[in-house]
Amino acid sequence: MLKRFLYSKKVAPYVFVLPFVLTFLIFWLYPLGSSFTMSFQERMMGQQPKWIGFDNYQKLLTDKVFLKAVSNSVIYMIGTLVLLIPFPMLFAVLIDNKFMWGQNFFKSAFFLPSLTSVVVAGTIFRLMFGEMETSLFNQVIGLFGAGPLKPLKSAGWSMAALLIIACWRWTGVNMLYFLSGLKGIDTEYYEAASIDGANSWQKFLYITMPLLKPTTIYVLTISIYAGLAMFTESLMMFNGNNSPKNIGLTIVGYLYRQGIEKSKLGYAATVGIVLLVVAMVINIAQLIMNGTFKKED
């Protein structure tokens, strides 16, 4: 009876979908609902929660450290968008060229850093940007008669170091996304353009970029989220969650500080809800501007 029920054509689709539905409810919807409830509470580890309404949200709006974390995350996010969309797209176009030699080598070389542990990468880059005269950063600027400097105590250099890590780790991943998009472009478009006398730049501008728009929107969407959610790289770069004058503090780092280090679970939940709202607003806005929700004629 049970076997007949499970193998029923009407029931089988729901059986296959059930694991995803349960995972979504247990590991996403329930935690989200709990966090939303906690954001209206004063909740400390090991203590009974106390309902305080919008006090956490009001406090957050005037919290200078939180605003600093938001500023750092937004600057980092914008930096990753500027660097990790056009350059991977350009590299993908170059590698996809039929005259390019060693295509598989370059694909592997670009993708390999993404397989490296963030902890290992962060530690290595912390040593590269160290204060010692023998650090790679100080040796390089020493060739130009500058230094030695303390880059991880400077807001500008610290952000540059974090962006360098991001480029090193994710250029290859985004490049593969664009390579996949390029495979879906019919070569007849380029052949017709060549017959009409179009050069390589015109083909890229008027054929490749427009037809890569769906891939570009996808990469843009995940890059916005990844930029705002960055934490481990900063944690490892500064060997902890306490950078000088909070120059490396991110929104997730501030959430970690409040929730794990200070055990202020209610306030940390508020930070998480605000992060979710900010990420959703930015992504929905860019999807609307890119015409994702427009109906095709």
Protein backbone atom coordinates (compact mmCIF):
# COMPACT_ATOMS: atom_id res chain seq x y z
CA MET A 1 0.00 0.00 0.00
CA LEU A 2 2.78 2.43 0.99
CA LYS A 3 4.84 1.50 -2.08
CA ARG A 4 1.84 2.05 -4.36
CA PHE A 5 1.25 5.42 -2.69
CA LEU A 6 4.87 6.57 -3.11
CA TYR A 7 5.04 5.42 -6.72
CA SER A 8 1.80 7.15 -7.63
CA LYS A 9 2.18 9.64 -10.49
CA LYS A 10 0.32 12.22 -8.43
CA VAL A 11 2.37 11.74 -5.27
CA ALA A 12 5.86 11.15 -6.75
CA PRO A 13 6.54 14.82 -7.68
CA TYR A 14 5.80 15.93 -4.13
CA VAL A 15 8.10 13.21 -2.74
CA PHE A 16 10.98 14.51 -4.86
CA VAL A 17 10.31 18.14 -3.90
CA LEU A 18 9.86 17.36 -0.19
CA PRO A 19 13.61 17.38 0.77
CA PHE A 20 14.06 20.87 -0.70
CA VAL A 21 10.89 22.16 0.99
CA LEU A 22 11.96 20.76 4.37
CA THR A 23 15.47 22.17 3.99
CA PHE A 24 14.05 25.59 3.05
CA LEU A 25 11.64 25.62 6.01
CA ILE A 26 14.08 24.30 8.63
CA PHE A 27 17.33 25.99 7.63
CA TRP A 28 16.10 29.27 6.09
CA LEU A 29 12.52 30.26 6.87
CA TYR A 30 12.51 29.19 10.53
CA PRO A 31 15.88 30.89 11.36
CA LEU A 32 14.72 34.01 9.51
CA GLY A 33 11.49 34.12 11.50
CA SER A 34 13.37 33.56 14.75
CA SER A 35 15.87 36.30 13.94
CA PHE A 36 13.07 38.71 13.08
CA THR A 37 11.41 38.00 16.44
CA MET A 38 14.71 38.32 18.32
CA SER A 39 15.37 41.71 16.73
CA PHE A 40 12.54 43.11 18.85
CA GLN A 41 13.96 41.65 22.04
CA GLU A 42 16.74 42.35 24.49
CA ARG A 43 18.27 38.91 24.51
CA MET A 44 21.49 37.94 26.19
CA MET A 45 23.08 34.50 26.24
CA GLY A 46 21.63 32.48 29.11
CA GLN A 47 18.99 35.08 30.03
CA GLN A 48 15.27 35.33 29.48
CA PRO A 49 14.35 37.50 26.48
CA LYS A 50 12.69 40.87 27.12
CA TRP A 51 10.43 42.50 24.54
CA ILE A 52 11.66 46.03 23.75
CA GLY A 53 9.93 46.85 20.45
CA PHE A 54 11.95 48.94 17.97
CA ASP A 55 14.65 49.96 20.47
CA ASN A 56 17.30 47.83 18.73
CA TYR A 57 16.55 49.41 15.37
CA GLN A 58 16.62 52.93 16.82
CA LYS A 59 19.94 52.21 18.52
CA LEU A 60 21.35 50.79 15.29
CA LEU A 61 20.62 53.97 13.33
CA THR A 62 22.76 56.02 15.72
CA ASP A 63 25.49 53.41 16.25
CA LYS A 64 28.64 54.95 14.76
CA VAL A 65 30.49 51.62 14.74
CA PHE A 66 27.66 49.97 12.81
CA LEU A 67 27.58 52.84 10.31
CA LYS A 68 31.34 52.45 9.89
CA ALA A 69 30.84 48.74 9.19
CA VAL A 70 28.13 49.54 6.62
CA SER A 71 30.42 52.08 4.94
CA ASN A 72 33.27 49.55 4.76
CA SER A 73 31.01 46.83 3.33
CA VAL A 74 29.47 49.13 0.72
CA ILE A 75 32.89 50.40 -0.42
CA TYR A 76 34.15 46.82 -0.62
CA MET A 77 31.05 45.75 -2.55
CA ILE A 78 31.41 48.59 -5.07
CA GLY A 79 35.11 47.78 -5.48
CA THR A 80 34.37 44.13 -6.23
CA LEU A 81 31.70 45.10 -8.77
CA VAL A 82 34.13 47.43 -10.56
CA LEU A 83 36.91 44.83 -10.64
CA LEU A 84 35.16 41.46 -10.77
CA ILE A 85 32.73 42.02 -13.63
CA PRO A 86 34.54 43.81 -16.51
CA PHE A 87 37.92 42.11 -16.11
CA PRO A 88 36.63 38.51 -15.89
CA MET A 89 34.42 39.28 -18.89
CA LEU A 90 37.43 40.56 -20.83
CA PHE A 91 39.54 37.54 -19.84
CA ALA A 92 36.72 35.20 -20.87
CA VAL A 93 36.50 36.82 -24.31
CA LEU A 94 40.27 36.57 -24.79
CA ILE A 95 40.44 32.93 -23.70
CA ASP A 96 37.42 31.99 -25.81
CA ASN A 97 39.13 33.36 -28.93
CA LYS A 98 39.91 30.54 -31.36
CA PHE A 99 43.44 31.91 -31.86
CA MET A 100 44.20 31.77 -28.12
CA TRP A 101 46.74 29.12 -27.16
CA GLY A 102 46.72 27.29 -23.81
CA GLN A 103 43.04 27.86 -23.13
CA ASN A 104 42.72 24.99 -20.64
CA PHE A 105 45.86 26.12 -18.82
CA PHE A 106 44.55 29.65 -18.31
CA LYS A 107 41.13 28.39 -17.23
CA SER A 108 42.76 26.20 -14.59
CA ALA A 109 45.23 28.88 -13.50
CA PHE A 110 42.50 31.48 -12.98
CA PHE A 111 40.14 29.05 -11.23
CA LEU A 112 42.69 27.41 -8.91
CA PRO A 113 42.76 30.23 -6.27
CA SER A 114 39.02 29.76 -5.59
CA LEU A 115 39.81 26.27 -4.29
CA THR A 116 42.19 27.67 -1.69
CA SER A 117 40.95 27.94 1.89
CA VAL A 118 39.98 31.49 2.90
CA VAL A 119 41.87 30.97 6.16
CA VAL A 120 45.07 30.03 4.33
CA ALA A 121 44.67 32.82 1.76
CA GLY A 122 43.94 35.44 4.44
CA THR A 123 46.97 34.39 6.48
CA ILE A 124 49.28 34.54 3.47
CA PHE A 125 48.02 37.96 2.43
CA ARG A 126 48.38 39.23 6.01
CA LEU A 127 52.05 38.30 5.86
CA MET A 128 52.38 39.86 2.40
CA PHE A 129 51.01 43.16 3.71
CA GLY A 130 52.86 42.98 7.04
CA GLU A 131 54.70 45.82 8.75
CA MET A 132 58.15 44.25 8.48
CA GLU A 133 60.61 45.56 5.91
CA THR A 134 60.88 42.03 4.54
CA SER A 135 57.13 41.77 3.75
CA LEU A 136 56.34 41.55 0.05
CA PHE A 137 54.44 44.85 0.09
CA ASN A 138 57.31 46.81 1.64
CA GLN A 139 59.86 45.15 -0.63
CA VAL A 140 57.86 46.18 -3.71
CA ILE A 141 57.38 49.82 -2.66
CA GLY A 142 61.03 49.84 -1.56
CA LEU A 143 62.01 49.38 -5.21
CA PHE A 144 60.50 52.81 -5.81
CA GLY A 145 62.25 54.39 -2.83
CA ALA A 146 59.19 54.39 -0.55
CA GLY A 147 58.38 52.79 2.78
CA PRO A 148 58.44 50.84 4.85
CA LEU A 149 54.73 51.33 5.59
CA LYS A 150 52.12 49.72 7.84
CA PRO A 151 49.41 49.01 5.24
CA LEU A 152 47.03 47.17 7.56
CA LYS A 153 46.81 50.25 9.79
CA SER A 154 45.76 52.45 6.87
CA ALA A 155 42.12 52.49 5.74
CA GLY A 156 43.04 52.90 2.06
CA TRP A 157 45.70 50.20 1.90
CA SER A 158 43.59 47.81 4.00
CA MET A 159 40.68 48.09 1.61
CA ALA A 160 43.05 47.65 -1.33
CA ALA A 161 44.43 44.48 0.28
CA LEU A 162 40.92 43.06 0.77
CA LEU A 163 40.05 43.83 -2.86
CA ILE A 164 43.26 42.16 -4.04
CA ILE A 165 42.27 39.00 -2.15
CA ALA A 166 38.81 39.14 -3.72
CA CYS A 167 40.27 39.52 -7.22
CA TRP A 168 42.78 36.73 -6.64
CA ARG A 169 40.11 34.31 -5.43
CA TRP A 170 37.06 35.13 -7.59
CA THR A 171 38.32 36.35 -10.97
CA GLY A 172 38.50 32.78 -12.25
CA VAL A 173 35.02 31.87 -11.01
CA ASN A 174 33.36 34.87 -12.67
CA MET A 175 35.43 34.25 -15.79
CA LEU A 176 33.98 30.74 -16.05
CA TYR A 177 30.46 32.17 -15.74
CA PHE A 178 31.16 34.45 -18.69
CA LEU A 179 32.78 31.63 -20.64
CA SER A 180 29.58 29.62 -20.20
CA GLY A 181 27.59 32.60 -21.46
CA LEU A 182 29.87 32.95 -24.48
CA LYS A 183 29.23 29.32 -25.44
CA GLY A 184 25.56 30.18 -25.84
CA ILE A 185 26.21 32.91 -28.44
CA ASP A 186 25.72 31.73 -32.01
CA THR A 187 28.88 32.25 -34.08
CA GLU A 188 26.72 33.28 -37.05
CA TYR A 189 26.32 36.71 -35.44
CA TYR A 190 30.08 37.26 -35.56
CA GLU A 191 30.33 35.92 -39.12
CA ALA A 192 27.61 38.29 -40.27
CA ALA A 193 29.33 41.19 -38.50
CA SER A 194 32.64 40.33 -40.19
CA ILE A 195 30.94 40.38 -43.58
CA ASP A 196 29.60 43.85 -42.76
CA GLY A 197 33.13 45.00 -41.91
CA ALA A 198 32.85 45.16 -38.11
CA ASN A 199 36.12 45.08 -36.17
CA SER A 200 36.79 43.14 -32.95
CA TRP A 201 35.82 46.04 -30.67
CA GLN A 202 32.51 46.57 -32.49
CA LYS A 203 31.72 42.85 -32.27
CA PHE A 204 32.39 42.93 -28.52
CA LEU A 205 30.38 46.12 -27.99
CA TYR A 206 27.34 45.31 -30.12
CA ILE A 207 27.17 41.50 -30.01
CA THR A 208 29.05 40.04 -27.06
CA MET A 209 28.02 42.48 -24.32
CA PRO A 210 24.28 42.57 -25.16
CA LEU A 211 24.04 38.78 -25.47
CA LEU A 212 26.00 38.33 -22.22
CA LYS A 213 23.48 40.48 -20.33
CA PRO A 214 21.76 37.53 -18.54
CA THR A 215 25.13 36.23 -17.34
CA THR A 216 26.23 39.73 -16.33
CA ILE A 217 23.05 40.24 -14.29
CA TYR A 218 23.62 36.92 -12.53
CA VAL A 219 27.24 37.74 -11.71
CA LEU A 220 26.19 41.22 -10.55
CA THR A 221 23.51 39.77 -8.27
CA ILE A 222 25.76 37.25 -6.53
CA SER A 223 28.60 39.80 -6.32
CA ILE A 224 26.39 42.29 -4.47
CA TYR A 225 25.49 39.66 -1.91
CA ALA A 226 29.07 38.40 -1.60
CA GLY A 227 30.42 41.93 -1.16
CA LEU A 228 27.99 42.79 1.63
CA ALA A 229 28.45 39.40 3.33
CA MET A 230 32.28 39.41 3.35
CA PHE A 231 33.72 38.52 6.76
CA THR A 232 36.30 35.73 6.84
CA GLU A 233 38.78 37.56 4.63
CA SER A 234 38.77 40.57 6.97
CA LEU A 235 38.95 38.32 10.03
CA MET A 236 42.07 36.58 8.76
CA MET A 237 43.67 39.70 7.29
CA PHE A 238 43.59 41.50 10.65
CA ASN A 239 44.14 38.33 12.69
CA GLY A 240 40.84 38.89 14.50
CA ASN A 241 37.69 40.95 14.42
CA ASN A 242 39.29 44.08 15.89
CA SER A 243 41.06 46.12 13.22
CA PRO A 244 42.64 49.52 14.01
CA LYS A 245 39.83 52.12 14.26
CA ASN A 246 37.51 49.48 12.72
CA ILE A 247 38.98 50.07 9.25
CA GLY A 248 38.36 46.42 8.35
CA LEU A 249 35.07 45.91 10.18
CA THR A 250 32.20 44.67 7.97
CA ILE A 251 28.48 44.30 8.63
CA VAL A 252 28.85 40.56 9.23
CA GLY A 253 31.89 41.24 11.41
CA TYR A 254 29.81 43.63 13.51
CA LEU A 255 27.06 41.01 13.75
CA TYR A 256 29.67 38.49 14.93
CA ARG A 257 31.01 40.97 17.48
CA GLN A 258 27.59 41.65 18.96
CA GLY A 259 26.20 38.11 18.82
CA ILE A 260 29.22 35.89 19.54
CA GLU A 261 31.74 38.11 21.30
CA LYS A 262 29.30 40.17 23.40
CA SER A 263 26.39 37.67 23.48
CA LYS A 264 23.86 40.40 22.54
CA LEU A 265 21.72 38.07 20.47
CA GLY A 266 18.80 40.46 20.02
CA TYR A 267 20.98 43.29 18.78
CA ALA A 268 22.92 40.92 16.51
CA ALA A 269 19.64 39.66 15.04
CA THR A 270 18.74 43.27 14.24
CA VAL A 271 22.02 43.68 12.36
CA GLY A 272 21.26 40.52 10.40
CA ILE A 273 17.75 41.66 9.44
CA VAL A 274 19.08 45.06 8.31
CA LEU A 275 21.78 43.32 6.23
CA LEU A 276 19.14 41.12 4.58
CA VAL A 277 16.94 44.13 3.78
CA VAL A 278 19.84 46.18 2.40
CA ALA A 279 21.03 43.30 0.18
CA MET A 280 17.49 42.64 -1.09
CA VAL A 281 16.77 46.32 -1.80
CA ILE A 282 20.02 46.78 -3.75
CA ASN A 283 19.55 43.58 -5.74
CA ILE A 284 15.88 44.17 -6.52
CA ALA A 285 16.69 47.74 -7.59
CA GLN A 286 19.42 46.62 -9.99
CA LEU A 287 17.21 43.82 -11.36
CA ILE A 288 14.44 46.35 -12.06
CA MET A 289 16.91 48.76 -13.71
CA ASN A 290 18.25 45.92 -15.85
CA GLY A 291 14.72 45.07 -17.01
CA THR A 292 14.69 41.58 -15.47
CA PHE A 293 11.03 41.81 -14.47
CA LYS A 294 9.79 43.31 -17.74
CA LYS A 295 7.58 41.11 -19.86
CA GLU A 296 8.90 40.33 -23.30
CA ASP A 297 6.85 41.64 -26.22
